């Protein structure tokens, strides 16, 4: 019945986008196939009259996040006569071009469809978490090793940092659903999923995920208390959950090591030139990136070339493990500044930081929530350098930016 309603209600492009929303938390390798199919469908069925609307061109400004690196690439090819090392990063970032065009030409983006996409995304998160836990349980029963319930061994489909990012966004959506039930999830299910996703994030051991989760939970709990959504029973349950989380961290050697490592390496990273912890790795990557940015701040080094130059800096500084792993900047803003200079960075800042303030001022709270999560993760990961990050950002950022422009279809 559910599938029948979907097929009768939406066109083919919309159905494929619903499939995309479902698969984002589940399966990244199939995304290129889905994008290829959507491209063919939009080329054949696209509403090209949309180009005549002046407002539509404002929407397409999103594609500048891909077009600027592409123009830079063409210039570098002309100057250097080589395509080597540039094509793969640009292909990975195709989602920044394709999703804005798909939605622009495919259909009128109405709030009911955005809510449907979000519901499907939440379902995808539920399925993904369930599969990860079942797979971890299967491995535990086979090996009697509890490490299968933590970090990369638990997060089967994506790196824990990226999967935690998805789940934190889902948690924020569920809190908004408790305040205003637009997503057709009962409150008891919203609370159940918030608790389940939070526990999974703790086990996944992504420190950026932990920070985001703490900020989201604490902020929304304060809002709910002010709006008198909480009873004494809810508060007791909340304290019990906090006590459970603290206990899990303290009794689990893996989680305790991750937490202690975060504190120690933040303070002492510079004293350990060959430390391989993720916190010290980031500090060294940021420091090395800054050296190159000072020399190439206006136009950047170009797509794909930054890594080669970073490896040279790592070699000079004795950061052997970073060189061996071909480590990127681990900060999306530094990455854009390194690759595309101040011009490229300005567009990324506009579509994230500036739009954060604008969306909050205009009370587009779902958009605001999404941007807060993206900005936090941009600070510690080069999110737009991987398919797991680029598809998530391009997909939802397009939805919310277009919705912000189309005031009549406003979502919360």
Protein backbone atom coordinates (compact mmCIF):
# COMPACT_ATOMS: atom_id res chain seq x y z
CA UNK A 1 0.00 0.00 0.00
CA UNK A 2 2.82 2.40 0.91
CA UNK A 3 4.65 1.78 -2.39
CA UNK A 4 1.40 2.07 -4.35
CA UNK A 5 0.68 5.47 -2.79
CA UNK A 6 4.22 6.68 -3.55
CA UNK A 7 4.04 5.58 -7.20
CA UNK A 8 0.62 7.16 -7.75
CA UNK A 9 1.52 10.41 -5.96
CA UNK A 10 4.97 11.29 -7.34
CA UNK A 11 6.74 11.44 -10.69
CA UNK A 12 9.78 9.33 -11.53
CA UNK A 13 12.33 11.97 -10.52
CA UNK A 14 10.67 12.37 -7.12
CA UNK A 15 10.57 8.60 -6.58
CA UNK A 16 14.29 8.37 -7.38
CA UNK A 17 15.01 11.16 -4.89
CA UNK A 18 13.02 9.25 -2.27
CA UNK A 19 15.21 6.23 -3.01
CA UNK A 20 18.25 8.49 -2.58
CA UNK A 21 17.00 9.72 0.81
CA UNK A 22 16.52 6.10 1.91
CA UNK A 23 19.97 5.00 0.73
CA UNK A 24 22.04 7.91 2.11
CA UNK A 25 22.47 6.19 5.52
CA UNK A 26 22.64 2.75 3.94
CA UNK A 27 24.59 2.29 0.74
CA UNK A 28 27.05 4.77 -0.74
CA UNK A 29 28.37 2.61 -3.60
CA UNK A 30 25.00 2.62 -5.37
CA UNK A 31 24.74 6.43 -5.36
CA UNK A 32 26.56 6.89 -8.66
CA UNK A 33 24.11 4.50 -10.33
CA UNK A 34 21.12 6.36 -8.84
CA UNK A 35 22.58 9.72 -9.91
CA UNK A 36 23.12 8.38 -13.43
CA UNK A 37 19.50 7.20 -13.68
CA UNK A 38 18.15 10.52 -12.36
CA UNK A 39 20.32 12.39 -14.88
CA UNK A 40 18.79 10.45 -17.78
CA UNK A 41 15.25 10.92 -16.45
CA UNK A 42 15.69 14.67 -15.95
CA UNK A 43 17.25 15.13 -19.40
CA UNK A 44 14.20 13.47 -20.96
CA UNK A 45 11.38 14.77 -18.75
CA UNK A 46 12.86 18.01 -17.33
CA UNK A 47 10.78 21.20 -17.31
CA UNK A 48 13.18 23.47 -19.18
CA UNK A 49 10.75 26.40 -19.03
CA UNK A 50 11.98 26.83 -15.44
CA UNK A 51 14.97 28.73 -16.84
CA UNK A 52 12.67 31.63 -17.74
CA UNK A 53 11.97 32.37 -14.07
CA UNK A 54 14.46 34.88 -12.64
CA UNK A 55 14.07 33.46 -9.12
CA UNK A 56 15.19 30.11 -10.46
CA UNK A 57 18.61 31.50 -11.33
CA UNK A 58 19.10 32.41 -7.67
CA UNK A 59 18.48 28.76 -6.84
CA UNK A 60 21.09 27.64 -9.34
CA UNK A 61 23.72 29.76 -7.57
CA UNK A 62 24.21 26.60 -5.48
CA UNK A 63 25.98 25.04 -8.45
CA UNK A 64 28.80 27.57 -8.03
CA UNK A 65 30.24 25.26 -5.38
CA UNK A 66 31.02 22.90 -8.27
CA UNK A 67 31.36 25.34 -11.17
CA UNK A 68 34.13 27.41 -9.54
CA UNK A 69 36.40 24.35 -9.02
CA UNK A 70 35.57 23.26 -12.59
CA UNK A 71 36.57 26.62 -14.08
CA UNK A 72 39.73 26.55 -11.99
CA UNK A 73 40.43 23.04 -13.29
CA UNK A 74 40.09 24.14 -16.93
CA UNK A 75 42.49 27.03 -16.34
CA UNK A 76 45.03 24.73 -14.68
CA UNK A 77 44.76 22.20 -17.52
CA UNK A 78 45.41 24.96 -20.06
CA UNK A 79 48.39 26.24 -18.06
CA UNK A 80 49.88 22.85 -17.21
CA UNK A 81 48.59 20.68 -20.04
CA UNK A 82 47.73 17.83 -17.69
CA UNK A 83 44.50 16.31 -16.35
CA UNK A 84 46.29 14.10 -13.81
CA UNK A 85 45.20 14.20 -10.13
CA UNK A 86 42.26 16.53 -10.82
CA UNK A 87 39.50 14.44 -12.35
CA UNK A 88 38.60 12.22 -9.38
CA UNK A 89 37.94 15.00 -6.81
CA UNK A 90 35.79 16.85 -9.34
CA UNK A 91 33.79 13.71 -10.18
CA UNK A 92 33.20 13.01 -6.48
CA UNK A 93 31.81 16.54 -6.12
CA UNK A 94 29.37 16.16 -9.04
CA UNK A 95 26.49 15.96 -6.54
CA UNK A 96 26.98 19.70 -5.90
CA UNK A 97 26.02 20.26 -9.53
CA UNK A 98 23.51 17.48 -10.13
CA UNK A 99 21.12 17.73 -7.17
CA UNK A 100 20.37 21.45 -7.72
CA UNK A 101 19.69 20.76 -11.42
CA UNK A 102 17.60 17.63 -10.74
CA UNK A 103 15.25 19.42 -8.37
CA UNK A 104 15.26 22.61 -10.45
CA UNK A 105 14.15 20.86 -13.65
CA UNK A 106 12.34 17.85 -12.21
CA UNK A 107 9.39 19.30 -10.28
CA UNK A 108 8.09 22.08 -8.05
CA UNK A 109 9.50 21.50 -4.58
CA UNK A 110 6.61 21.58 -2.11
CA UNK A 111 6.83 21.18 1.64
CA UNK A 112 4.80 17.95 1.70
CA UNK A 113 7.42 16.28 -0.49
CA UNK A 114 10.24 17.59 1.72
CA UNK A 115 8.50 16.06 4.73
CA UNK A 116 8.18 12.79 2.78
CA UNK A 117 11.90 12.84 1.98
CA UNK A 118 12.72 13.42 5.63
CA UNK A 119 10.45 10.57 6.76
CA UNK A 120 12.15 8.24 4.28
CA UNK A 121 15.59 9.42 5.48
CA UNK A 122 14.57 8.62 9.07
CA UNK A 123 13.45 5.16 7.97
CA UNK A 124 16.81 4.69 6.26
CA UNK A 125 18.60 5.64 9.49
CA UNK A 126 16.50 3.12 11.46
CA UNK A 127 17.26 0.33 8.98
CA UNK A 128 20.96 1.20 8.88
CA UNK A 129 21.33 1.27 12.69
CA UNK A 130 19.47 -2.05 12.95
CA UNK A 131 21.71 -3.73 10.37
CA UNK A 132 24.88 -2.38 12.03
CA UNK A 133 23.82 -3.68 15.45
CA UNK A 134 22.76 -7.08 14.09
CA UNK A 135 26.03 -7.42 12.18
CA UNK A 136 28.00 -6.45 15.30
CA UNK A 137 26.03 -9.01 17.32
CA UNK A 138 26.71 -11.70 14.72
CA UNK A 139 30.45 -10.95 14.81
CA UNK A 140 30.44 -10.89 18.62
CA UNK A 141 28.76 -14.30 18.80
CA UNK A 142 31.31 -15.61 16.33
CA UNK A 143 34.44 -14.18 18.00
CA UNK A 144 33.34 -13.28 21.56
CA UNK A 145 35.08 -9.92 21.02
CA UNK A 146 33.22 -6.81 22.22
CA UNK A 147 35.20 -4.48 19.91
CA UNK A 148 32.62 -5.27 17.21
CA UNK A 149 30.23 -2.93 19.05
CA UNK A 150 32.51 0.10 18.75
CA UNK A 151 33.84 2.60 16.21
CA UNK A 152 34.53 1.35 12.67
CA UNK A 153 33.60 -2.24 13.43
CA UNK A 154 30.12 -1.07 14.46
CA UNK A 155 29.52 1.50 11.70
CA UNK A 156 29.27 -0.90 8.78
CA UNK A 157 28.15 1.42 5.96
CA UNK A 158 30.04 4.67 6.62
CA UNK A 159 32.94 6.03 8.64
CA UNK A 160 31.64 6.66 12.21
CA UNK A 161 32.07 10.44 11.86
CA UNK A 162 29.78 10.58 8.83
CA UNK A 163 27.21 8.14 10.17
CA UNK A 164 27.10 10.05 13.47
CA UNK A 165 26.49 13.22 11.45
CA UNK A 166 23.47 11.57 9.78
CA UNK A 167 22.10 10.33 13.10
CA UNK A 168 22.56 13.69 14.83
CA UNK A 169 20.56 15.30 12.05
CA UNK A 170 17.90 12.61 12.49
CA UNK A 171 17.82 13.28 16.25
CA UNK A 172 17.31 17.00 15.62
CA UNK A 173 14.46 16.21 13.21
CA UNK A 174 12.82 13.97 15.82
CA UNK A 175 13.02 16.73 18.44
CA UNK A 176 11.36 19.12 15.98
CA UNK A 177 8.71 16.46 15.41
CA UNK A 178 8.00 16.39 19.16
CA UNK A 179 7.54 20.16 19.16
CA UNK A 180 5.55 20.26 15.88
CA UNK A 181 4.55 16.80 14.54
CA UNK A 182 4.97 17.40 10.80
CA UNK A 183 6.85 14.16 10.10
CA UNK A 184 4.10 11.73 11.16
CA UNK A 185 6.14 10.02 13.87
CA UNK A 186 4.36 9.49 17.18
CA UNK A 187 6.05 11.17 20.14
CA UNK A 188 6.79 7.87 21.86
CA UNK A 189 8.57 6.65 18.71
CA UNK A 190 10.43 9.94 18.42
CA UNK A 191 11.74 9.56 21.98
CA UNK A 192 12.60 5.91 21.41
CA UNK A 193 14.63 6.73 18.29
CA UNK A 194 16.35 9.71 19.94
CA UNK A 195 17.56 7.44 22.74
CA UNK A 196 18.54 4.62 20.34
CA UNK A 197 20.43 6.93 17.96
CA UNK A 198 22.19 8.67 20.87
CA UNK A 199 23.36 5.33 22.28
CA UNK A 200 24.60 4.31 18.84
CA UNK A 201 26.55 7.58 18.48
CA UNK A 202 28.20 6.95 21.86
CA UNK A 203 29.23 3.46 20.73
CA UNK A 204 30.40 4.72 17.33
CA UNK A 205 33.02 6.77 19.21
CA UNK A 206 33.19 9.76 16.87
CA UNK A 207 34.27 12.69 19.02
CA UNK A 208 32.75 15.26 16.68
CA UNK A 209 29.61 13.13 16.79
CA UNK A 210 29.69 13.23 20.59
CA UNK A 211 30.04 17.02 20.64
CA UNK A 212 27.23 17.51 18.11
CA UNK A 213 25.01 15.08 19.99
CA UNK A 214 25.59 16.82 23.31
CA UNK A 215 24.77 20.23 21.81
CA UNK A 216 21.63 18.98 20.04
CA UNK A 217 20.26 17.05 23.03
CA UNK A 218 21.00 19.77 25.58
CA UNK A 219 19.62 22.58 23.38
CA UNK A 220 16.36 20.81 22.57
CA UNK A 221 15.86 19.60 26.14
CA UNK A 222 16.15 23.21 27.36
CA UNK A 223 13.62 24.26 24.70
CA UNK A 224 11.24 21.46 25.69
CA UNK A 225 11.52 22.37 29.38
CA UNK A 226 10.70 26.00 28.58
CA UNK A 227 7.73 24.87 26.48
CA UNK A 228 6.64 22.60 29.38
CA UNK A 229 6.83 19.40 27.33
CA UNK A 230 8.56 17.64 30.22
CA UNK A 231 7.00 16.06 33.30
CA UNK A 232 8.93 14.84 36.35
CA UNK A 233 8.75 11.35 34.84
CA UNK A 234 10.52 12.57 31.69
CA UNK A 235 13.24 14.25 33.75
CA UNK A 236 13.85 11.07 35.77
CA UNK A 237 14.13 9.06 32.55
CA UNK A 238 16.53 11.69 31.19
CA UNK A 239 18.80 11.47 34.24
CA UNK A 240 18.71 7.68 34.03
CA UNK A 241 19.82 7.81 30.39
CA UNK A 242 22.65 10.23 31.21
CA UNK A 243 23.79 7.92 34.02
CA UNK A 244 23.68 4.99 31.59
CA UNK A 245 25.80 6.86 29.02
CA UNK A 246 28.38 7.85 31.64
CA UNK A 247 28.53 4.25 32.84
CA UNK A 248 28.98 2.92 29.30
CA UNK A 249 31.89 5.29 28.66
CA UNK A 250 33.57 4.41 31.97
CA UNK A 251 33.21 0.63 31.79
CA UNK A 252 34.16 0.37 28.12
CA UNK A 253 37.96 0.50 27.62
CA UNK A 254 37.50 1.48 23.96
CA UNK A 255 35.25 4.47 24.72
CA UNK A 256 37.33 5.59 27.71
CA UNK A 257 40.50 5.55 25.62
CA UNK A 258 38.77 7.62 22.93
CA UNK A 259 37.57 10.17 25.49
CA UNK A 260 40.91 10.43 27.29
CA UNK A 261 42.72 10.63 23.96
CA UNK A 262 40.54 13.57 22.92
CA UNK A 263 41.54 15.53 26.04
CA UNK A 264 45.22 14.58 26.15
CA UNK A 265 46.01 15.03 22.47
CA UNK A 266 44.22 18.36 22.27
CA UNK A 267 46.67 19.68 24.87
CA UNK A 268 49.83 17.73 24.01
CA UNK A 269 49.54 17.11 20.26
CA UNK A 270 52.60 19.20 19.37
CA UNK A 271 54.82 17.07 21.62
CA UNK A 272 54.05 13.88 19.67
CA UNK A 273 55.21 14.33 16.09
CA UNK A 274 54.41 10.75 15.09
CA UNK A 275 51.23 10.29 17.14
CA UNK A 276 48.50 8.65 15.09
CA UNK A 277 45.50 9.67 17.22
CA UNK A 278 42.80 11.48 15.28
CA UNK A 279 42.89 14.57 17.51
CA UNK A 280 46.64 15.11 17.10
CA UNK A 281 46.37 14.22 13.40
CA UNK A 282 43.89 17.04 12.89
CA UNK A 283 46.04 19.60 14.70
CA UNK A 284 49.04 18.69 12.57
CA UNK A 285 46.99 18.73 9.36
CA UNK A 286 45.60 22.18 10.20
CA UNK A 287 49.06 23.51 11.01
CA UNK A 288 50.53 22.13 7.77
CA UNK A 289 47.61 23.41 5.69
CA UNK A 290 48.06 26.90 7.09
CA UNK A 291 51.65 26.96 5.81
CA UNK A 292 50.44 26.32 2.24
CA UNK A 293 47.42 28.62 2.50
CA UNK A 294 49.65 31.59 3.40
CA UNK A 295 51.45 31.08 0.10
CA UNK A 296 48.34 30.44 -2.05
CA UNK A 297 45.51 32.28 -0.30
CA UNK A 298 44.07 34.11 -3.32
CA UNK A 299 43.44 31.37 -5.91
CA UNK A 300 44.45 28.21 -4.06
CA UNK A 301 46.39 25.26 -5.44
CA UNK A 302 43.57 23.73 -7.45
CA UNK A 303 41.41 20.63 -7.13
CA UNK A 304 43.47 17.55 -6.32
CA UNK A 305 46.84 19.30 -5.97
CA UNK A 306 46.61 20.23 -2.30
CA UNK A 307 47.26 16.67 -1.09
CA UNK A 308 50.58 16.44 -2.95
CA UNK A 309 51.80 19.70 -1.45
CA UNK A 310 50.54 18.72 2.01
CA UNK A 311 52.55 15.50 1.83
CA UNK A 312 55.69 17.56 1.21
CA UNK A 313 54.98 19.61 4.34
CA UNK A 314 54.32 16.44 6.35
CA UNK A 315 57.67 15.10 5.16
CA UNK A 316 59.49 18.27 6.22
CA UNK A 317 57.86 18.27 9.66
CA UNK A 318 58.38 14.56 10.27
CA UNK A 319 54.70 13.67 10.30
CA UNK A 320 55.32 10.23 8.83
CA UNK A 321 51.91 8.69 9.54
CA UNK A 322 50.10 11.64 7.92
CA UNK A 323 52.20 11.33 4.79
CA UNK A 324 51.64 7.57 4.57
CA UNK A 325 47.86 8.03 4.91
CA UNK A 326 47.78 10.92 2.40
CA UNK A 327 45.88 12.92 5.04
CA UNK A 328 43.77 15.88 3.91
CA UNK A 329 43.22 19.09 5.89
CA UNK A 330 40.49 17.61 8.11
CA UNK A 331 38.68 20.95 7.93
CA UNK A 332 36.38 21.77 5.02
CA UNK A 333 36.94 25.52 5.21
CA UNK A 334 40.72 25.09 5.19
CA UNK A 335 40.33 22.56 2.37
CA UNK A 336 38.37 25.02 0.22
CA UNK A 337 40.82 27.81 0.99
CA UNK A 338 43.75 25.55 0.12
CA UNK A 339 42.19 24.27 -3.11
CA UNK A 340 40.20 27.28 -4.34
CA UNK A 341 41.52 30.31 -2.50
CA UNK A 342 39.56 33.09 -0.88
CA UNK A 343 37.08 33.23 -3.79
CA UNK A 344 36.02 29.61 -3.44
CA UNK A 345 35.94 29.88 0.35
CA UNK A 346 33.63 32.90 0.21
CA UNK A 347 30.93 30.88 -1.57
CA UNK A 348 31.19 28.02 0.93
CA UNK A 349 30.99 30.48 3.84
CA UNK A 350 27.89 32.09 2.30
CA UNK A 351 26.04 28.80 1.78
CA UNK A 352 26.81 27.62 5.32
CA UNK A 353 27.66 30.30 7.91
CA UNK A 354 25.78 33.24 6.35
CA UNK A 355 22.76 31.09 5.50
CA UNK A 356 22.79 29.77 9.08
CA UNK A 357 22.05 33.27 10.41
CA UNK A 358 19.58 34.04 7.63
CA UNK A 359 17.63 30.79 8.07
CA UNK A 360 17.47 31.26 11.85
CA UNK A 361 16.29 34.85 11.45
CA UNK A 362 13.61 33.68 8.98
CA UNK A 363 12.60 30.83 11.35
CA UNK A 364 13.57 28.02 8.97
CA UNK A 365 14.65 25.92 11.91
CA UNK A 366 15.13 22.66 10.02
CA UNK A 367 17.55 24.44 7.67
CA UNK A 368 19.28 26.01 10.68
CA UNK A 369 19.63 22.62 12.36
CA UNK A 370 21.15 21.11 9.23
CA UNK A 371 23.67 23.95 8.82
CA UNK A 372 24.75 23.82 12.47
CA UNK A 373 25.51 20.11 12.12
CA UNK A 374 27.37 20.68 8.84
CA UNK A 375 29.45 23.56 10.21
CA UNK A 376 30.48 21.56 13.29
CA UNK A 377 31.55 18.65 11.09
CA UNK A 378 33.26 20.99 8.59
CA UNK A 379 35.51 22.08 11.47
CA UNK A 380 36.99 18.60 11.92
CA UNK A 381 36.50 16.83 8.58
CA UNK A 382 36.90 17.61 4.88
CA UNK A 383 33.29 16.54 4.38
CA UNK A 384 33.06 17.55 0.72
CA UNK A 385 36.04 15.40 -0.25
CA UNK A 386 34.20 12.10 0.25
CA UNK A 387 31.05 10.64 -1.28
CA UNK A 388 29.44 10.01 2.13
CA UNK A 389 29.75 13.71 2.94
CA UNK A 390 29.14 15.28 -0.44
CA UNK A 391 25.87 13.43 -1.19
CA UNK A 392 24.43 14.21 2.24
CA UNK A 393 25.36 17.89 2.04
CA UNK A 394 24.34 18.42 -1.59
CA UNK A 395 21.02 16.62 -1.17
CA UNK A 396 19.70 18.35 1.93
CA UNK A 397 21.34 21.71 1.33
CA UNK A 398 19.61 21.90 -2.06
CA UNK A 399 16.24 21.02 -0.52
CA UNK A 400 16.48 23.62 2.23
CA UNK A 401 18.02 26.41 0.15
CA UNK A 402 15.34 26.03 -2.53
CA UNK A 403 12.65 25.90 0.14
CA UNK A 404 14.02 29.08 1.71
CA UNK A 405 13.72 30.85 -1.66
CA UNK A 406 10.18 29.51 -2.22
CA UNK A 407 8.61 31.20 0.79
CA UNK A 408 5.12 29.81 0.07
CA UNK A 409 6.27 26.21 0.70
CA UNK A 410 8.08 26.94 3.97
CA UNK A 411 8.99 24.02 6.24
CA UNK A 412 9.88 24.51 9.89
